[in-house]
Protein backbone atom coordinates (compact mmCIF):
# COMPACT_ATOMS: atom_id res chain seq x y z
CA MET A 1 7.76 -1.88 -12.53
CA LYS A 2 7.73 1.37 -10.64
CA ILE A 3 9.35 2.64 -8.13
CA LEU A 4 8.19 5.43 -6.05
CA VAL A 5 10.92 7.41 -3.59
CA LEU A 6 9.89 9.66 -0.91
CA ASN A 7 12.60 11.90 0.58
CA CYS A 8 10.99 13.24 3.85
CA GLY A 9 12.54 15.97 5.79
CA SER A 10 11.01 18.55 8.80
CA SER A 11 8.96 21.49 6.60
CA SER A 12 9.47 19.39 2.52
CA ILE A 13 9.10 15.96 0.83
CA LYS A 14 10.82 15.36 -1.95
CA PHE A 15 10.09 12.81 -4.35
CA GLN A 16 10.92 10.56 -7.66
CA LEU A 17 9.26 8.10 -9.91
CA PHE A 18 11.23 5.66 -11.18
CA GLU A 19 10.36 3.67 -13.89
CA MET A 20 12.80 0.63 -13.25
CA THR A 21 12.76 -1.78 -16.71
CA THR A 22 13.96 1.50 -19.04
CA GLU A 23 15.41 2.73 -16.06
CA SER A 24 13.79 6.37 -16.13
CA VAL A 25 12.53 8.72 -13.95
CA LEU A 26 8.46 9.19 -15.40
CA SER A 27 8.34 12.60 -12.36
CA ARG A 28 9.97 14.11 -9.49
CA GLY A 29 9.10 16.94 -6.64
CA ILE A 30 7.71 18.68 -3.82
CA VAL A 31 5.93 19.01 -1.84
CA GLU A 32 6.75 22.61 0.43
CA LYS A 33 6.19 24.63 3.25
CA VAL A 34 4.72 21.55 5.10
CA GLY A 35 2.85 22.32 7.93
CA LEU A 36 3.06 25.82 7.19
CA LYS A 37 1.27 29.20 5.02
CA GLY A 38 1.78 28.92 1.29
CA SER A 39 2.36 25.38 1.30
CA PHE A 40 2.85 23.74 -2.46
CA LEU A 41 3.46 20.86 -4.66
CA LYS A 42 5.42 21.63 -7.73
CA LEU A 43 6.13 19.12 -10.09
CA GLU A 44 8.09 17.67 -13.07
CA LYS A 45 6.77 15.64 -15.69
CA GLU A 46 9.16 13.19 -17.78
CA ASN A 47 8.94 15.94 -20.94
CA GLY A 48 10.44 18.69 -19.17
CA GLN A 49 7.13 20.28 -18.73
CA LYS A 50 6.46 21.42 -14.96
CA VAL A 51 3.49 22.30 -13.32
CA MET A 52 2.53 24.20 -9.29
CA PHE A 53 -0.15 23.42 -6.65
CA GLU A 54 -1.18 25.25 -4.23
CA GLY A 55 -2.41 24.12 -1.04
CA GLU A 56 -3.24 24.05 2.93
CA ILE A 57 -0.99 20.61 3.17
CA LEU A 58 -1.01 20.37 7.48
CA ASP A 59 0.92 17.13 7.92
CA HIS A 60 3.35 14.73 5.73
CA GLN A 61 0.12 12.19 5.71
CA THR A 62 -1.54 15.39 3.70
CA GLY A 63 1.85 16.04 1.35
CA ILE A 64 1.90 12.27 0.72
CA GLU A 65 -1.95 12.00 -0.38
CA TYR A 66 -0.90 14.60 -2.96
CA VAL A 67 2.68 14.19 -4.01
CA LEU A 68 -0.46 10.65 -5.12
CA GLY A 69 -2.91 12.15 -6.72
CA VAL A 70 -0.81 14.46 -8.65
CA LEU A 71 0.81 11.36 -9.49
CA THR A 72 -2.95 9.23 -10.57
CA SER A 73 -4.63 12.33 -11.83
CA ARG A 74 -5.62 12.16 -15.41
CA LYS A 75 -4.23 15.45 -16.74
CA HIS A 76 -0.61 15.47 -15.08
CA GLY A 77 -0.19 11.94 -13.32
CA CYS A 78 1.57 9.67 -14.92
CA LEU A 79 0.09 6.15 -13.21
CA LYS A 80 -3.15 5.44 -14.07
CA SER A 81 -3.69 4.00 -10.47
CA LEU A 82 -1.17 2.56 -7.56
CA ASP A 83 -2.03 -1.18 -7.54
């Protein structure tokens, strides 16, 4: 079972995705400057590789959509789907 934990602040969203059967972190990251110019998402994969995505993240809903999109992306994601 995988569990996604979100910690939403006034202008950031921190997240970690856990694999509970092995008690390991599959991915972690942060969305910074939500609602401000220069917003971005930083992702750290299980293997330590870090990637950054810049975008216009106007609100927390959009930020969470970015997080889910990255976690399910073919190139950087660790989930095949959200099911």
